[in-house]
């Protein structure tokens, strides 16, 4: 499986600028995904739940961002996290890791990093 684009984490700072009007919808029947497939439920926080737009993560308040905002081939709910090792806590939940790039950190399903 491909690694996630470094752009994925860049959305963490720009996520608040999303307009949420649905213009970022990707057809589910024809897409390339580096991470996230229809039916993925996510973990206990919602990290990893399949999404195609920001609104799909409304049911996962602990992971309110859709990674597609930063990477058009990443289809999973995520959240901002502290740099790994800060306070020794895994704030991303089961089967997810806090990954940082350029000072921005976000939760990514561990299966996407293999």
PDB file of N, CA and C in Angstrom:
ATOM      1  N   UNK A   1       0.841  -1.173   0.000  1.00  0.00           N
ATOM      2  CA  UNK A   1       0.000   0.000   0.000  1.00  0.00           C
ATOM      3  C   UNK A   1       0.889   1.240   0.000  1.00  0.00           C
ATOM      4  N   UNK A   2       0.481   2.264  -0.716  1.00  0.00           N
ATOM      5  CA  UNK A   2       1.245   3.511  -0.778  1.00  0.00           C
ATOM      6  C   UNK A   2       1.210   4.208   0.576  1.00  0.00           C
ATOM      7  N   UNK A   3       2.235   5.005   0.840  1.00  0.00           N
ATOM      8  CA  UNK A   3       2.240   5.836   2.036  1.00  0.00           C
ATOM      9  C   UNK A   3       1.391   7.058   1.774  1.00  0.00           C
ATOM     10  N   UNK A   4       0.863   7.634   2.811  1.00  0.00           N
ATOM     11  CA  UNK A   4       0.053   8.838   2.679  1.00  0.00           C
ATOM     12  C   UNK A   4       0.905  10.001   2.221  1.00  0.00           C
ATOM     13  N   UNK A   5       0.321  10.835   1.445  1.00  0.00           N
ATOM     14  CA  UNK A   5       0.990  12.022   0.954  1.00  0.00           C
ATOM     15  C   UNK A   5       1.318  12.958   2.115  1.00  0.00           C
ATOM     16  N   UNK A   6       2.458  13.645   2.058  1.00  0.00           N
ATOM     17  CA  UNK A   6       2.764  14.622   3.101  1.00  0.00           C
ATOM     18  C   UNK A   6       1.718  15.727   3.166  1.00  0.00           C
ATOM     19  N   UNK A   7       0.970  15.893   2.110  1.00  0.00           N
ATOM     20  CA  UNK A   7      -0.076  16.912   2.075  1.00  0.00           C
ATOM     21  C   UNK A   7      -1.177  16.592   3.067  1.00  0.00           C
ATOM     22  N   UNK A   8      -1.345  15.288   3.387  1.00  0.00           N
ATOM     23  CA  UNK A   8      -2.398  14.871   4.302  1.00  0.00           C
ATOM     24  C   UNK A   8      -2.391  15.690   5.586  1.00  0.00           C
ATOM     25  N   UNK A   9      -1.236  15.871   6.148  1.00  0.00           N
ATOM     26  CA  UNK A   9      -1.181  16.582   7.417  1.00  0.00           C
ATOM     27  C   UNK A   9      -1.270  18.101   7.252  1.00  0.00           C
ATOM     28  N   UNK A  10      -1.011  18.593   6.058  1.00  0.00           N
ATOM     29  CA  UNK A  10      -1.090  20.033   5.825  1.00  0.00           C
ATOM     30  C   UNK A  10      -2.514  20.545   6.004  1.00  0.00           C
ATOM     31  N   UNK A  11      -3.494  19.664   5.767  1.00  0.00           N
ATOM     32  CA  UNK A  11      -4.872  20.088   5.912  1.00  0.00           C
ATOM     33  C   UNK A  11      -5.228  20.409   7.359  1.00  0.00           C
ATOM     34  N   UNK A  12      -4.459  19.911   8.308  1.00  0.00           N
ATOM     35  CA  UNK A  12      -4.801  20.095   9.713  1.00  0.00           C
ATOM     36  C   UNK A  12      -4.921  21.568  10.086  1.00  0.00           C
ATOM     37  N   UNK A  13      -4.069  22.394   9.512  1.00  0.00           N
ATOM     38  CA  UNK A  13      -4.162  23.822   9.797  1.00  0.00           C
ATOM     39  C   UNK A  13      -5.222  24.503   8.951  1.00  0.00           C
ATOM     40  N   UNK A  14      -5.480  23.963   7.759  1.00  0.00           N
ATOM     41  CA  UNK A  14      -6.429  24.592   6.853  1.00  0.00           C
ATOM     42  C   UNK A  14      -7.837  24.027   6.972  1.00  0.00           C
ATOM     43  N   UNK A  15      -8.032  23.022   7.782  1.00  0.00           N
ATOM     44  CA  UNK A  15      -9.331  22.341   7.858  1.00  0.00           C
ATOM     45  C   UNK A  15     -10.462  23.291   8.224  1.00  0.00           C
ATOM     46  N   UNK A  16     -10.175  24.264   9.038  1.00  0.00           N
ATOM     47  CA  UNK A  16     -11.225  25.189   9.449  1.00  0.00           C
ATOM     48  C   UNK A  16     -11.735  26.028   8.281  1.00  0.00           C
ATOM     49  N   UNK A  17     -11.001  26.046   7.182  1.00  0.00           N
ATOM     50  CA  UNK A  17     -11.402  26.836   6.027  1.00  0.00           C
ATOM     51  C   UNK A  17     -12.349  26.084   5.113  1.00  0.00           C
ATOM     52  N   UNK A  18     -12.595  24.799   5.366  1.00  0.00           N
ATOM     53  CA  UNK A  18     -13.491  24.023   4.513  1.00  0.00           C
ATOM     54  C   UNK A  18     -14.872  24.646   4.504  1.00  0.00           C
ATOM     55  N   UNK A  19     -15.522  24.641   3.325  1.00  0.00           N
ATOM     56  CA  UNK A  19     -16.834  25.256   3.228  1.00  0.00           C
ATOM     57  C   UNK A  19     -17.952  24.270   3.513  1.00  0.00           C
ATOM     58  N   UNK A  20     -17.672  22.972   3.504  1.00  0.00           N
ATOM     59  CA  UNK A  20     -18.657  21.978   3.870  1.00  0.00           C
ATOM     60  C   UNK A  20     -19.882  21.939   2.985  1.00  0.00           C
ATOM     61  N   UNK A  21     -19.793  22.537   1.780  1.00  0.00           N
ATOM     62  CA  UNK A  21     -20.974  22.568   0.922  1.00  0.00           C
ATOM     63  C   UNK A  21     -21.100  21.330   0.034  1.00  0.00           C
ATOM     64  N   UNK A  22     -20.210  20.358   0.206  1.00  0.00           N
ATOM     65  CA  UNK A  22     -20.321  19.119  -0.546  1.00  0.00           C
ATOM     66  C   UNK A  22     -19.592  19.117  -1.873  1.00  0.00           C
ATOM     67  N   UNK A  23     -18.934  20.224  -2.240  1.00  0.00           N
ATOM     68  CA  UNK A  23     -18.223  20.278  -3.516  1.00  0.00           C
ATOM     69  C   UNK A  23     -17.049  19.310  -3.563  1.00  0.00           C
ATOM     70  N   UNK A  24     -16.632  18.801  -2.397  1.00  0.00           N
ATOM     71  CA  UNK A  24     -15.479  17.916  -2.352  1.00  0.00           C
ATOM     72  C   UNK A  24     -15.891  16.441  -2.378  1.00  0.00           C
ATOM     73  N   UNK A  25     -17.132  16.156  -2.785  1.00  0.00           N
ATOM     74  CA  UNK A  25     -17.610  14.773  -2.852  1.00  0.00           C
ATOM     75  C   UNK A  25     -16.901  14.048  -3.983  1.00  0.00           C
ATOM     76  N   UNK A  26     -16.454  12.836  -3.679  1.00  0.00           N
ATOM     77  CA  UNK A  26     -15.781  11.998  -4.655  1.00  0.00           C
ATOM     78  C   UNK A  26     -16.683  10.809  -4.935  1.00  0.00           C
ATOM     79  N   UNK A  27     -16.910  10.466  -6.202  1.00  0.00           N
ATOM     80  CA  UNK A  27     -17.751   9.306  -6.487  1.00  0.00           C
ATOM     81  C   UNK A  27     -17.161   8.044  -5.867  1.00  0.00           C
ATOM     82  N   UNK A  28     -17.983   7.306  -5.112  1.00  0.00           N
ATOM     83  CA  UNK A  28     -17.500   6.124  -4.420  1.00  0.00           C
ATOM     84  C   UNK A  28     -17.236   4.979  -5.387  1.00  0.00           C
ATOM     85  N   UNK A  29     -17.916   4.952  -6.533  1.00  0.00           N
ATOM     86  CA  UNK A  29     -17.761   3.828  -7.439  1.00  0.00           C
ATOM     87  C   UNK A  29     -16.485   3.887  -8.275  1.00  0.00           C
ATOM     88  N   UNK A  30     -15.770   4.988  -8.259  1.00  0.00           N
ATOM     89  CA  UNK A  30     -14.543   5.098  -9.047  1.00  0.00           C
ATOM     90  C   UNK A  30     -13.573   6.043  -8.355  1.00  0.00           C
ATOM     91  N   UNK A  31     -12.704   5.493  -7.512  1.00  0.00           N
ATOM     92  CA  UNK A  31     -11.723   6.336  -6.858  1.00  0.00           C
ATOM     93  C   UNK A  31     -10.487   5.521  -6.518  1.00  0.00           C
ATOM     94  N   UNK A  32      -9.383   6.229  -6.391  1.00  0.00           N
ATOM     95  CA  UNK A  32      -8.130   5.629  -5.945  1.00  0.00           C
ATOM     96  C   UNK A  32      -7.954   6.023  -4.492  1.00  0.00           C
ATOM     97  N   UNK A  33      -7.721   5.049  -3.637  1.00  0.00           N
ATOM     98  CA  UNK A  33      -7.594   5.327  -2.215  1.00  0.00           C
ATOM     99  C   UNK A  33      -6.248   4.862  -1.693  1.00  0.00           C
ATOM    100  N   UNK A  34      -5.515   5.775  -1.050  1.00  0.00           N
ATOM    101  CA  UNK A  34      -4.285   5.395  -0.356  1.00  0.00           C
ATOM    102  C   UNK A  34      -4.625   4.921   1.045  1.00  0.00           C
ATOM    103  N   UNK A  35      -5.808   5.292   1.531  1.00  0.00           N
ATOM    104  CA  UNK A  35      -6.257   4.857   2.850  1.00  0.00           C
ATOM    105  C   UNK A  35      -7.740   5.138   2.982  1.00  0.00           C
ATOM    106  N   UNK A  36      -8.480   4.146   3.414  1.00  0.00           N
ATOM    107  CA  UNK A  36      -9.912   4.286   3.636  1.00  0.00           C
ATOM    108  C   UNK A  36     -10.715   3.653   2.516  1.00  0.00           C
ATOM    109  N   UNK A  37     -11.614   2.755   2.924  1.00  0.00           N
ATOM    110  CA  UNK A  37     -12.494   2.076   1.973  1.00  0.00           C
ATOM    111  C   UNK A  37     -13.921   2.118   2.507  1.00  0.00           C
ATOM    112  N   UNK A  38     -14.910   2.109   1.607  1.00  0.00           N
ATOM    113  CA  UNK A  38     -16.307   2.110   2.061  1.00  0.00           C
ATOM    114  C   UNK A  38     -16.540   1.003   3.091  1.00  0.00           C
ATOM    115  N   UNK A  39     -17.219   1.355   4.149  1.00  0.00           N
ATOM    116  CA  UNK A  39     -17.528   0.396   5.202  1.00  0.00           C
ATOM    117  C   UNK A  39     -16.556   0.400   6.363  1.00  0.00           C
ATOM    118  N   UNK A  40     -15.393   1.054   6.217  1.00  0.00           N
ATOM    119  CA  UNK A  40     -14.445   1.119   7.337  1.00  0.00           C
ATOM    120  C   UNK A  40     -15.130   1.836   8.503  1.00  0.00           C
ATOM    121  N   UNK A  41     -15.222   1.174   9.687  1.00  0.00           N
ATOM    122  CA  UNK A  41     -15.950   1.767  10.803  1.00  0.00           C
ATOM    123  C   UNK A  41     -15.146   2.743  11.656  1.00  0.00           C
ATOM    124  N   UNK A  42     -13.824   2.695  11.579  1.00  0.00           N
ATOM    125  CA  UNK A  42     -13.006   3.523  12.461  1.00  0.00           C
ATOM    126  C   UNK A  42     -12.888   2.890  13.830  1.00  0.00           C
ATOM    127  N   UNK A  43     -12.065   3.488  14.667  1.00  0.00           N
ATOM    128  CA  UNK A  43     -11.861   2.956  16.021  1.00  0.00           C
ATOM    129  C   UNK A  43     -12.862   3.595  16.996  1.00  0.00           C
ATOM    130  N   UNK A  44     -12.614   3.422  18.288  1.00  0.00           N
ATOM    131  CA  UNK A  44     -13.538   3.932  19.306  1.00  0.00           C
ATOM    132  C   UNK A  44     -13.673   5.459  19.280  1.00  0.00           C
ATOM    133  N   UNK A  45     -12.725   6.158  18.672  1.00  0.00           N
ATOM    134  CA  UNK A  45     -12.802   7.623  18.538  1.00  0.00           C
ATOM    135  C   UNK A  45     -13.342   8.042  17.174  1.00  0.00           C
ATOM    136  N   UNK A  46     -13.446   7.089  16.267  1.00  0.00           N
ATOM    137  CA  UNK A  46     -13.883   7.396  14.913  1.00  0.00           C
ATOM    138  C   UNK A  46     -12.740   7.549  13.940  1.00  0.00           C
ATOM    139  N   UNK A  47     -11.493   7.543  14.421  1.00  0.00           N
ATOM    140  CA  UNK A  47     -10.334   7.656  13.537  1.00  0.00           C
ATOM    141  C   UNK A  47     -10.320   6.435  12.612  1.00  0.00           C
ATOM    142  N   UNK A  48     -10.313   6.702  11.316  1.00  0.00           N
ATOM    143  CA  UNK A  48     -10.303   5.625  10.336  1.00  0.00           C
ATOM    144  C   UNK A  48     -11.654   5.350   9.713  1.00  0.00           C
ATOM    145  N   UNK A  49     -12.732   5.977  10.211  1.00  0.00           N
ATOM    146  CA  UNK A  49     -14.054   5.786   9.613  1.00  0.00           C
ATOM    147  C   UNK A  49     -14.028   6.322   8.188  1.00  0.00           C
ATOM    148  N   UNK A  50     -14.614   5.589   7.250  1.00  0.00           N
ATOM    149  CA  UNK A  50     -14.643   6.006   5.854  1.00  0.00           C
ATOM    150  C   UNK A  50     -15.405   7.318   5.703  1.00  0.00           C
ATOM    151  N   UNK A  51     -14.856   8.232   4.901  1.00  0.00           N
ATOM    152  CA  UNK A  51     -15.524   9.492   4.596  1.00  0.00           C
ATOM    153  C   UNK A  51     -15.133   9.951   3.203  1.00  0.00           C
ATOM    154  N   UNK A  52     -16.005  10.734   2.597  1.00  0.00           N
ATOM    155  CA  UNK A  52     -15.695  11.346   1.302  1.00  0.00           C
ATOM    156  C   UNK A  52     -15.784  12.863   1.362  1.00  0.00           C
ATOM    157  N   UNK A  53     -16.270  13.378   2.507  1.00  0.00           N
ATOM    158  CA  UNK A  53     -16.355  14.823   2.712  1.00  0.00           C
ATOM    159  C   UNK A  53     -16.417  15.101   4.210  1.00  0.00           C
ATOM    160  N   UNK A  54     -16.177  16.320   4.596  1.00  0.00           N
ATOM    161  CA  UNK A  54     -16.128  16.711   5.994  1.00  0.00           C
ATOM    162  C   UNK A  54     -17.389  16.304   6.746  1.00  0.00           C
ATOM    163  N   UNK A  55     -18.547  16.462   6.138  1.00  0.00           N
ATOM    164  CA  UNK A  55     -19.813  16.145   6.788  1.00  0.00           C
ATOM    165  C   UNK A  55     -19.948  14.692   7.189  1.00  0.00           C
ATOM    166  N   UNK A  56     -19.211  13.802   6.545  1.00  0.00           N
ATOM    167  CA  UNK A  56     -19.272  12.378   6.884  1.00  0.00           C
ATOM    168  C   UNK A  56     -18.700  12.100   8.269  1.00  0.00           C
ATOM    169  N   UNK A  57     -17.942  13.027   8.813  1.00  0.00           N
ATOM    170  CA  UNK A  57     -17.315  12.828  10.125  1.00  0.00           C
ATOM    171  C   UNK A  57     -18.097  13.506  11.246  1.00  0.00           C
ATOM    172  N   UNK A  58     -19.298  14.005  10.941  1.00  0.00           N
ATOM    173  CA  UNK A  58     -20.131  14.633  11.970  1.00  0.00           C
ATOM    174  C   UNK A  58     -20.526  13.651  13.056  1.00  0.00           C
ATOM    175  N   UNK A  59     -20.601  12.367  12.730  1.00  0.00           N
ATOM    176  CA  UNK A  59     -20.983  11.358  13.720  1.00  0.00           C
ATOM    177  C   UNK A  59     -19.797  10.874  14.533  1.00  0.00           C
ATOM    178  N   UNK A  60     -18.611  11.402  14.263  1.00  0.00           N
ATOM    179  CA  UNK A  60     -17.407  11.050  15.015  1.00  0.00           C
ATOM    180  C   UNK A  60     -16.819  12.329  15.613  1.00  0.00           C
ATOM    181  N   UNK A  61     -17.459  12.872  16.663  1.00  0.00           N
ATOM    182  CA  UNK A  61     -17.007  14.161  17.205  1.00  0.00           C
ATOM    183  C   UNK A  61     -15.569  14.165  17.712  1.00  0.00           C
ATOM    184  N   UNK A  62     -15.027  12.982  18.034  1.00  0.00           N
ATOM    185  CA  UNK A  62     -13.629  12.927  18.465  1.00  0.00           C
ATOM    186  C   UNK A  62     -12.668  12.909  17.277  1.00  0.00           C
ATOM    187  N   UNK A  63     -13.185  12.703  16.070  1.00  0.00           N
ATOM    188  CA  UNK A  63     -12.376  12.706  14.842  1.00  0.00           C
ATOM    189  C   UNK A  63     -13.191  13.437  13.769  1.00  0.00           C
ATOM    190  N   UNK A  64     -13.316  14.758  13.885  1.00  0.00           N
ATOM    191  CA  UNK A  64     -14.253  15.519  13.051  1.00  0.00           C
ATOM    192  C   UNK A  64     -13.780  15.912  11.653  1.00  0.00           C
ATOM    193  N   UNK A  65     -12.557  15.578  11.300  1.00  0.00           N
ATOM    194  CA  UNK A  65     -12.004  16.001  10.015  1.00  0.00           C
ATOM    195  C   UNK A  65     -11.912  14.836   9.044  1.00  0.00           C
ATOM    196  N   UNK A  66     -12.217  15.077   7.775  1.00  0.00           N
ATOM    197  CA  UNK A  66     -12.033  14.051   6.748  1.00  0.00           C
ATOM    198  C   UNK A  66     -10.691  14.313   6.070  1.00  0.00           C
ATOM    199  N   UNK A  67      -9.851  13.291   6.027  1.00  0.00           N
ATOM    200  CA  UNK A  67      -8.500  13.443   5.486  1.00  0.00           C
ATOM    201  C   UNK A  67      -8.485  13.876   4.031  1.00  0.00           C
ATOM    202  N   UNK A  68      -9.597  13.730   3.317  1.00  0.00           N
ATOM    203  CA  UNK A  68      -9.658  14.139   1.912  1.00  0.00           C
ATOM    204  C   UNK A  68      -9.403  15.639   1.758  1.00  0.00           C
ATOM    205  N   UNK A  69      -9.584  16.402   2.840  1.00  0.00           N
ATOM    206  CA  UNK A  69      -9.312  17.843   2.782  1.00  0.00           C
ATOM    207  C   UNK A  69      -7.847  18.133   2.479  1.00  0.00           C
ATOM    208  N   UNK A  70      -6.957  17.235   2.883  1.00  0.00           N
ATOM    209  CA  UNK A  70      -5.529  17.444   2.657  1.00  0.00           C
ATOM    210  C   UNK A  70      -4.932  16.506   1.630  1.00  0.00           C
ATOM    211  N   UNK A  71      -5.628  15.405   1.325  1.00  0.00           N
ATOM    212  CA  UNK A  71      -5.125  14.421   0.370  1.00  0.00           C
ATOM    213  C   UNK A  71      -6.327  13.826  -0.351  1.00  0.00           C
ATOM    214  N   UNK A  72      -6.485  14.111  -1.629  1.00  0.00           N
ATOM    215  CA  UNK A  72      -7.681  13.647  -2.353  1.00  0.00           C
ATOM    216  C   UNK A  72      -7.776  12.130  -2.507  1.00  0.00           C
ATOM    217  N   UNK A  73      -6.799  11.386  -2.025  1.00  0.00           N
ATOM    218  CA  UNK A  73      -6.881   9.925  -2.097  1.00  0.00           C
ATOM    219  C   UNK A  73      -6.960   9.289  -0.707  1.00  0.00           C
ATOM    220  N   UNK A  74      -7.184  10.084   0.328  1.00  0.00           N
ATOM    221  CA  UNK A  74      -7.300   9.571   1.697  1.00  0.00           C
ATOM    222  C   UNK A  74      -8.740   9.759   2.161  1.00  0.00           C
ATOM    223  N   UNK A  75      -9.399   8.659   2.482  1.00  0.00           N
ATOM    224  CA  UNK A  75     -10.820   8.669   2.800  1.00  0.00           C
ATOM    225  C   UNK A  75     -11.072   8.158   4.214  1.00  0.00           C
ATOM    226  N   UNK A  76     -10.658   8.923   5.228  1.00  0.00           N
ATOM    227  CA  UNK A  76     -10.895   8.508   6.608  1.00  0.00           C
ATOM    228  C   UNK A  76     -11.030   9.718   7.525  1.00  0.00           C
ATOM    229  N   UNK A  77     -11.814   9.537   8.585  1.00  0.00           N
ATOM    230  CA  UNK A  77     -11.972  10.591   9.589  1.00  0.00           C
ATOM    231  C   UNK A  77     -10.707  10.633  10.452  1.00  0.00           C
ATOM    232  N   UNK A  78     -10.328  11.826  10.844  1.00  0.00           N
ATOM    233  CA  UNK A  78      -9.098  12.022  11.605  1.00  0.00           C
ATOM    234  C   UNK A  78      -9.263  13.190  12.568  1.00  0.00           C
ATOM    235  N   UNK A  79      -8.216  13.483  13.296  1.00  0.00           N
ATOM    236  CA  UNK A  79      -8.210  14.617  14.221  1.00  0.00           C
ATOM    237  C   UNK A  79      -6.786  15.104  14.415  1.00  0.00           C
ATOM    238  N   UNK A  80      -6.649  16.299  14.904  1.00  0.00           N
ATOM    239  CA  UNK A  80      -5.345  16.859  15.239  1.00  0.00           C
ATOM    240  C   UNK A  80      -4.867  16.178  16.517  1.00  0.00           C
ATOM    241  N   UNK A  81      -3.570  15.928  16.607  1.00  0.00           N
ATOM    242  CA  UNK A  81      -3.006  15.296  17.805  1.00  0.00           C
ATOM    243  C   UNK A  81      -1.686  15.976  18.157  1.00  0.00           C
ATOM    244  N   UNK A  82      -1.226  15.706  19.365  1.00  0.00           N
ATOM    245  CA  UNK A  82       0.070  16.226  19.809  1.00  0.00           C
ATOM    246  C   UNK A  82       1.167  15.335  19.231  1.00  0.00           C
ATOM    247  N   UNK A  83       2.345  15.865  19.161  1.00  0.00           N
ATOM    248  CA  UNK A  83       3.480  15.093  18.643  1.00  0.00           C
ATOM    249  C   UNK A  83       3.627  13.797  19.425  1.00  0.00           C
ATOM    250  N   UNK A  84       3.945  12.697  18.747  1.00  0.00           N
ATOM    251  CA  UNK A  84       4.123  11.420  19.451  1.00  0.00           C
ATOM    252  C   UNK A  84       5.113  11.573  20.606  1.00  0.00           C
ATOM    253  N   UNK A  85       4.785  10.963  21.706  1.00  0.00           N
ATOM    254  CA  UNK A  85       5.654  11.049  22.873  1.00  0.00           C
ATOM    255  C   UNK A  85       5.243  12.130  23.849  1.00  0.00           C
ATOM    256  N   UNK A  86       4.463  13.129  23.400  1.00  0.00           N
ATOM    257  CA  UNK A  86       4.000  14.168  24.319  1.00  0.00           C
ATOM    258  C   UNK A  86       3.078  13.535  25.352  1.00  0.00           C
ATOM    259  N   UNK A  87       3.440  13.600  26.584  1.00  0.00           N
ATOM    260  CA  UNK A  87       2.674  13.066  27.715  1.00  0.00           C
ATOM    261  C   UNK A  87       2.535  11.550  27.665  1.00  0.00           C
ATOM    262  N   UNK A  88       3.159  10.880  26.692  1.00  0.00           N
ATOM    263  CA  UNK A  88       3.116   9.429  26.619  1.00  0.00           C
ATOM    264  C   UNK A  88       1.729   8.859  26.410  1.00  0.00           C
ATOM    265  N   UNK A  89       0.819   9.622  25.825  1.00  0.00           N
ATOM    266  CA  UNK A  89      -0.560   9.180  25.645  1.00  0.00           C
ATOM    267  C   UNK A  89      -0.845   8.977  24.159  1.00  0.00           C
ATOM    268  N   UNK A  90      -1.531   7.879  23.840  1.00  0.00           N
ATOM    269  CA  UNK A  90      -1.979   7.671  22.463  1.00  0.00           C
ATOM    270  C   UNK A  90      -3.370   8.284  22.338  1.00  0.00           C
ATOM    271  N   UNK A  91      -3.437   9.518  21.911  1.00  0.00           N
ATOM    272  CA  UNK A  91      -4.712  10.205  21.817  1.00  0.00           C
ATOM    273  C   UNK A  91      -5.476   9.869  20.540  1.00  0.00           C
ATOM    274  N   UNK A  92      -4.917   8.983  19.703  1.00  0.00           N
ATOM    275  CA  UNK A  92      -5.565   8.606  18.449  1.00  0.00           C
ATOM    276  C   UNK A  92      -6.420   7.354  18.594  1.00  0.00           C
ATOM    277  N   UNK A  93      -6.302   6.643  19.698  1.00  0.00           N
ATOM    278  CA  UNK A  93      -7.110   5.461  19.918  1.00  0.00           C
ATOM    279  C   UNK A  93      -6.490   4.206  19.337  1.00  0.00           C
ATOM    280  N   UNK A  94      -7.221   3.120  19.447  1.00  0.00           N
ATOM    281  CA  UNK A  94      -6.771   1.806  19.012  1.00  0.00           C
ATOM    282  C   UNK A  94      -6.516   1.757  17.513  1.00  0.00           C
ATOM    283  N   UNK A  95      -5.380   1.208  17.138  1.00  0.00           N
ATOM    284  CA  UNK A  95      -5.070   1.010  15.720  1.00  0.00           C
ATOM    285  C   UNK A  95      -4.820   2.281  14.940  1.00  0.00           C
ATOM    286  N   UNK A  96      -4.404   3.338  15.608  1.00  0.00           N
ATOM    287  CA  UNK A  96      -4.106   4.608  14.939  1.00  0.00           C
ATOM    288  C   UNK A  96      -2.880   5.235  15.592  1.00  0.00           C
ATOM    289  N   UNK A  97      -2.198   6.048  14.815  1.00  0.00           N
ATOM    290  CA  UNK A  97      -0.968   6.681  15.294  1.00  0.00           C
ATOM    291  C   UNK A  97      -0.986   8.170  14.977  1.00  0.00           C
ATOM    292  N   UNK A  98      -0.304   8.931  15.808  1.00  0.00           N
ATOM    293  CA  UNK A  98      -0.141  10.357  15.574  1.00  0.00           C
ATOM    294  C   UNK A  98       1.087  10.536  14.676  1.00  0.00           C
ATOM    295  N   UNK A  99       0.875  11.065  13.485  1.00  0.00           N
ATOM    296  CA  UNK A  99       1.948  11.260  12.512  1.00  0.00           C
ATOM    297  C   UNK A  99       2.107  12.764  12.270  1.00  0.00           C
ATOM    298  N   UNK A 100       3.357  13.221  12.261  1.00  0.00           N
ATOM    299  CA  UNK A 100       3.629  14.649  12.097  1.00  0.00           C
ATOM    300  C   UNK A 100       4.419  14.914  10.818  1.00  0.00           C
ATOM    301  N   UNK A 101       4.160  16.067  10.247  1.00  0.00           N
ATOM    302  CA  UNK A 101       4.883  16.531   9.062  1.00  0.00           C
ATOM    303  C   UNK A 101       4.868  18.053   9.083  1.00  0.00           C
ATOM    304  N   UNK A 102       6.034  18.646   9.020  1.00  0.00           N
ATOM    305  CA  UNK A 102       6.120  20.101   8.993  1.00  0.00           C
ATOM    306  C   UNK A 102       5.507  20.773  10.212  1.00  0.00           C
ATOM    307  N   UNK A 103       5.566  20.126  11.367  1.00  0.00           N
ATOM    308  CA  UNK A 103       5.031  20.721  12.583  1.00  0.00           C
ATOM    309  C   UNK A 103       3.552  20.472  12.811  1.00  0.00           C
ATOM    310  N   UNK A 104       2.864  19.869  11.837  1.00  0.00           N
ATOM    311  CA  UNK A 104       1.452  19.550  11.983  1.00  0.00           C
ATOM    312  C   UNK A 104       1.310  18.054  12.254  1.00  0.00           C
ATOM    313  N   UNK A 105       0.424  17.684  13.158  1.00  0.00           N
ATOM    314  CA  UNK A 105       0.250  16.279  13.521  1.00  0.00           C
ATOM    315  C   UNK A 105      -1.212  15.884  13.401  1.00  0.00           C
ATOM    316  N   UNK A 106      -1.443  14.668  12.888  1.00  0.00           N
ATOM    317  CA  UNK A 106      -2.794  14.154  12.740  1.00  0.00           C
ATOM    318  C   UNK A 106      -2.833  12.658  12.961  1.00  0.00           C
ATOM    319  N   UNK A 107      -3.996  12.134  13.346  1.00  0.00           N
ATOM    320  CA  UNK A 107      -4.166  10.707  13.596  1.00  0.00           C
ATOM    321  C   UNK A 107      -4.398   9.973  12.281  1.00  0.00           C
ATOM    322  N   UNK A 108      -3.650   8.893  12.095  1.00  0.00           N
ATOM    323  CA  UNK A 108      -3.709   8.094  10.874  1.00  0.00           C
ATOM    324  C   UNK A 108      -3.879   6.629  11.278  1.00  0.00           C
ATOM    325  N   UNK A 109      -4.812   5.906  10.623  1.00  0.00           N
ATOM    326  CA  UNK A 109      -4.937   4.480  10.913  1.00  0.00           C
ATOM    327  C   UNK A 109      -3.596   3.767  10.684  1.00  0.00           C
ATOM    328  N   UNK A 110      -3.219   2.899  11.616  1.00  0.00           N
ATOM    329  CA  UNK A 110      -1.949   2.169  11.501  1.00  0.00           C
ATOM    330  C   UNK A 110      -1.873   1.363  10.214  1.00  0.00           C
ATOM    331  N   UNK A 111      -3.009   0.858   9.741  1.00  0.00           N
ATOM    332  CA  UNK A 111      -3.020   0.047   8.514  1.00  0.00           C
ATOM    333  C   UNK A 111      -2.596   0.865   7.289  1.00  0.00           C
ATOM    334  N   UNK A 112      -2.723   2.165   7.372  1.00  0.00           N
ATOM    335  CA  UNK A 112      -2.326   3.032   6.247  1.00  0.00           C
ATOM    336  C   UNK A 112      -0.815   3.263   6.203  1.00  0.00           C
ATOM    337  N   UNK A 113      -0.142   2.915   7.266  1.00  0.00           N
ATOM    338  CA  UNK A 113       1.290   3.178   7.365  1.00  0.00           C
ATOM    339  C   UNK A 113       2.127   1.946   7.032  1.00  0.00           C
ATOM    340  N   UNK A 114       1.485   0.836   6.721  1.00  0.00           N
ATOM    341  CA  UNK A 114       2.209  -0.400   6.431  1.00  0.00           C
ATOM    342  C   UNK A 114       2.722  -0.416   5.012  1.00  0.00           C
TER     343      UNK A 114
END
